[in-house]
Amino acid sequence: MALAKERCEACTGATPTVAGAELDALRAELSPEWEVDGVRLRRRMRFGDFAAAFATATRVALIAEGEGHHPDMAVGWGRLEIELTTHAVKGLTRNDFILAAKIDAAVG
């Protein structure tokens, strides 16, 4: 995936959001498990136990820290929920899709 090889860029209130054909093209590069929910990308994962969910959340956190773009995550027994949005513009930017692609590459 070419998107997973890109780097997130620092966002400002002037960072452009993605919509329409651009959103569709970026979405096509991600796992079908990602849902576009308004101004968020959301993915829910299931695991056999808490430890596996927590370990995956930790891997995602380390990727996010490296990119300087941080998701909201909820971890529970056998589940991990990840939400991506760009808070600075209250919408989806290319960074959200780059981080989602990196997550896909790391966790399958």
C-alpha atoms as a PDB file:
ATOM      1  CA  MET A   1       0.000   0.000   0.000  1.00  0.00           C
ATOM      2  CA  ALA A   2       1.436   3.324  -1.040  1.00  0.00           C
ATOM      3  CA  LEU A   3      -0.545   5.197   1.601  1.00  0.00           C
ATOM      4  CA  ALA A   4       1.147   3.245   4.417  1.00  0.00           C
ATOM      5  CA  LYS A   5       4.535   4.496   3.193  1.00  0.00           C
ATOM      6  CA  GLU A   6       3.582   8.163   3.579  1.00  0.00           C
ATOM      7  CA  ARG A   7       4.189  10.193   6.727  1.00  0.00           C
ATOM      8  CA  CYS A   8       1.639  12.228   8.647  1.00  0.00           C
ATOM      9  CA  GLU A   9       2.200  15.976   8.499  1.00  0.00           C
ATOM     10  CA  ALA A  10       1.526  18.435  11.304  1.00  0.00           C
ATOM     11  CA  CYS A  11      -2.040  19.732  11.057  1.00  0.00           C
ATOM     12  CA  THR A  12      -3.360  23.231  11.552  1.00  0.00           C
ATOM     13  CA  GLY A  13      -6.824  24.705  11.302  1.00  0.00           C
ATOM     14  CA  ALA A  14      -6.029  25.279   7.599  1.00  0.00           C
ATOM     15  CA  THR A  15      -5.293  21.616   6.828  1.00  0.00           C
ATOM     16  CA  PRO A  16      -7.695  20.519   4.078  1.00  0.00           C
ATOM     17  CA  THR A  17     -10.289  17.866   4.850  1.00  0.00           C
ATOM     18  CA  VAL A  18     -11.021  15.040   2.419  1.00  0.00           C
ATOM     19  CA  ALA A  19     -14.418  14.367   0.893  1.00  0.00           C
ATOM     20  CA  GLY A  20     -16.073  13.032  -2.226  1.00  0.00           C
ATOM     21  CA  ALA A  21     -13.874  11.271  -4.784  1.00  0.00           C
ATOM     22  CA  GLU A  22     -10.703  11.867  -2.767  1.00  0.00           C
ATOM     23  CA  LEU A  23     -12.254  10.251   0.309  1.00  0.00           C
ATOM     24  CA  ASP A  24     -13.428   7.290  -1.791  1.00  0.00           C
ATOM     25  CA  ALA A  25      -9.960   6.808  -3.306  1.00  0.00           C
ATOM     26  CA  LEU A  26      -8.249   6.912   0.091  1.00  0.00           C
ATOM     27  CA  ARG A  27     -10.880   4.628   1.606  1.00  0.00           C
ATOM     28  CA  ALA A  28     -10.225   2.070  -1.136  1.00  0.00           C
ATOM     29  CA  GLU A  29      -6.637   1.685   0.116  1.00  0.00           C
ATOM     30  CA  LEU A  30      -7.759   0.573   3.586  1.00  0.00           C
ATOM     31  CA  SER A  31      -9.041  -2.663   5.048  1.00  0.00           C
ATOM     32  CA  PRO A  32     -12.798  -3.012   4.523  1.00  0.00           C
ATOM     33  CA  GLU A  33     -13.064  -3.177   8.318  1.00  0.00           C
ATOM     34  CA  TRP A  34     -12.686   0.619   8.467  1.00  0.00           C
ATOM     35  CA  GLU A  35     -15.980   2.506   8.456  1.00  0.00           C
ATOM     36  CA  VAL A  36     -16.410   6.164   7.618  1.00  0.00           C
ATOM     37  CA  ASP A  37     -18.711   7.507  10.323  1.00  0.00           C
ATOM     38  CA  GLY A  38     -19.329  11.179   9.644  1.00  0.00           C
ATOM     39  CA  VAL A  39     -16.046  12.900  10.455  1.00  0.00           C
ATOM     40  CA  ARG A  40     -14.379   9.737  11.807  1.00  0.00           C
ATOM     41  CA  LEU A  41     -12.752   6.564  10.590  1.00  0.00           C
ATOM     42  CA  ARG A  42     -13.670   3.694  12.882  1.00  0.00           C
ATOM     43  CA  ARG A  43     -12.422   0.123  13.130  1.00  0.00           C
ATOM     44  CA  ARG A  44     -13.504  -2.516  15.633  1.00  0.00           C
ATOM     45  CA  MET A  45     -11.343  -5.589  16.236  1.00  0.00           C
ATOM     46  CA  ARG A  46     -12.085  -8.774  18.164  1.00  0.00           C
ATOM     47  CA  PHE A  47      -9.589 -10.940  20.046  1.00  0.00           C
ATOM     48  CA  GLY A  48      -9.614 -14.092  22.124  1.00  0.00           C
ATOM     49  CA  ASP A  49      -8.691 -12.305  25.332  1.00  0.00           C
ATOM     50  CA  PHE A  50      -7.829  -9.001  26.963  1.00  0.00           C
ATOM     51  CA  ALA A  51      -4.064  -9.416  26.589  1.00  0.00           C
ATOM     52  CA  ALA A  52      -4.247  -9.678  22.790  1.00  0.00           C
ATOM     53  CA  ALA A  53      -6.498  -6.601  22.561  1.00  0.00           C
ATOM     54  CA  PHE A  54      -4.188  -4.640  24.849  1.00  0.00           C
ATOM     55  CA  ALA A  55      -1.062  -5.745  22.963  1.00  0.00           C
ATOM     56  CA  THR A  56      -2.576  -4.569  19.676  1.00  0.00           C
ATOM     57  CA  ALA A  57      -3.619  -1.260  21.242  1.00  0.00           C
ATOM     58  CA  THR A  58      -0.022  -0.807  22.394  1.00  0.00           C
ATOM     59  CA  ARG A  59       1.296  -1.456  18.874  1.00  0.00           C
ATOM     60  CA  VAL A  60      -1.198   1.063  17.470  1.00  0.00           C
ATOM     61  CA  ALA A  61      -0.185   3.612  20.133  1.00  0.00           C
ATOM     62  CA  LEU A  62       3.490   3.294  19.210  1.00  0.00           C
ATOM     63  CA  ILE A  63       2.735   3.758  15.504  1.00  0.00           C
ATOM     64  CA  ALA A  64       0.559   6.788  16.277  1.00  0.00           C
ATOM     65  CA  GLU A  65       3.229   8.347  18.485  1.00  0.00           C
ATOM     66  CA  GLY A  66       5.769   7.913  15.703  1.00  0.00           C
ATOM     67  CA  GLU A  67       3.455   9.709  13.291  1.00  0.00           C
ATOM     68  CA  GLY A  68       2.398  12.437  15.729  1.00  0.00           C
ATOM     69  CA  HIS A  69      -1.238  11.647  14.949  1.00  0.00           C
ATOM     70  CA  HIS A  70      -3.205  10.037  17.746  1.00  0.00           C
ATOM     71  CA  PRO A  71      -6.419   7.997  17.600  1.00  0.00           C
ATOM     72  CA  ASP A  72      -9.051   7.582  20.265  1.00  0.00           C
ATOM     73  CA  MET A  73      -9.026   3.963  21.408  1.00  0.00           C
ATOM     74  CA  ALA A  74     -11.188   1.833  23.674  1.00  0.00           C
ATOM     75  CA  VAL A  75      -9.853  -1.494  24.933  1.00  0.00           C
ATOM     76  CA  GLY A  76     -11.931  -4.131  26.658  1.00  0.00           C
ATOM     77  CA  TRP A  77     -11.942  -7.869  27.105  1.00  0.00           C
ATOM     78  CA  GLY A  78     -11.441  -9.243  23.585  1.00  0.00           C
ATOM     79  CA  ARG A  79     -12.027  -5.958  21.779  1.00  0.00           C
ATOM     80  CA  LEU A  80     -10.266  -2.859  20.506  1.00  0.00           C
ATOM     81  CA  GLU A  81     -12.045   0.100  18.948  1.00  0.00           C
ATOM     82  CA  ILE A  82     -10.046   2.726  17.078  1.00  0.00           C
ATOM     83  CA  GLU A  83     -11.381   6.106  15.955  1.00  0.00           C
ATOM     84  CA  LEU A  84      -9.427   8.509  13.790  1.00  0.00           C
ATOM     85  CA  THR A  85     -10.269  12.131  13.109  1.00  0.00           C
ATOM     86  CA  THR A  86      -8.267  15.333  12.822  1.00  0.00           C
ATOM     87  CA  HIS A  87      -9.343  17.428  15.784  1.00  0.00           C
ATOM     88  CA  ALA A  88      -7.730  20.618  14.427  1.00  0.00           C
ATOM     89  CA  VAL A  89     -10.232  20.689  11.526  1.00  0.00           C
ATOM     90  CA  LYS A  90     -13.028  18.603  13.066  1.00  0.00           C
ATOM     91  CA  GLY A  91     -12.969  16.247  10.105  1.00  0.00           C
ATOM     92  CA  LEU A  92     -11.026  13.676   8.125  1.00  0.00           C
ATOM     93  CA  THR A  93      -7.680  14.540   6.586  1.00  0.00           C
ATOM     94  CA  ARG A  94      -5.126  12.554   4.645  1.00  0.00           C
ATOM     95  CA  ASN A  95      -3.320  11.916   7.959  1.00  0.00           C
ATOM     96  CA  ASP A  96      -6.261   9.842   9.213  1.00  0.00           C
ATOM     97  CA  PHE A  97      -6.008   7.574   6.183  1.00  0.00           C
ATOM     98  CA  ILE A  98      -2.222   7.362   6.389  1.00  0.00           C
ATOM     99  CA  LEU A  99      -2.419   6.247  10.018  1.00  0.00           C
ATOM    100  CA  ALA A 100      -5.230   3.788   9.235  1.00  0.00           C
ATOM    101  CA  ALA A 101      -3.101   2.266   6.449  1.00  0.00           C
ATOM    102  CA  LYS A 102      -0.135   1.949   8.826  1.00  0.00           C
ATOM    103  CA  ILE A 103      -2.403   0.252  11.368  1.00  0.00           C
ATOM    104  CA  ASP A 104      -3.621  -2.148   8.667  1.00  0.00           C
ATOM    105  CA  ALA A 105      -0.042  -2.996   7.742  1.00  0.00           C
ATOM    106  CA  ALA A 106       0.882  -3.663  11.374  1.00  0.00           C
ATOM    107  CA  VAL A 107      -2.133  -5.646  12.538  1.00  0.00           C
ATOM    108  CA  GLY A 108      -3.533  -7.121   9.340  1.00  0.00           C
END
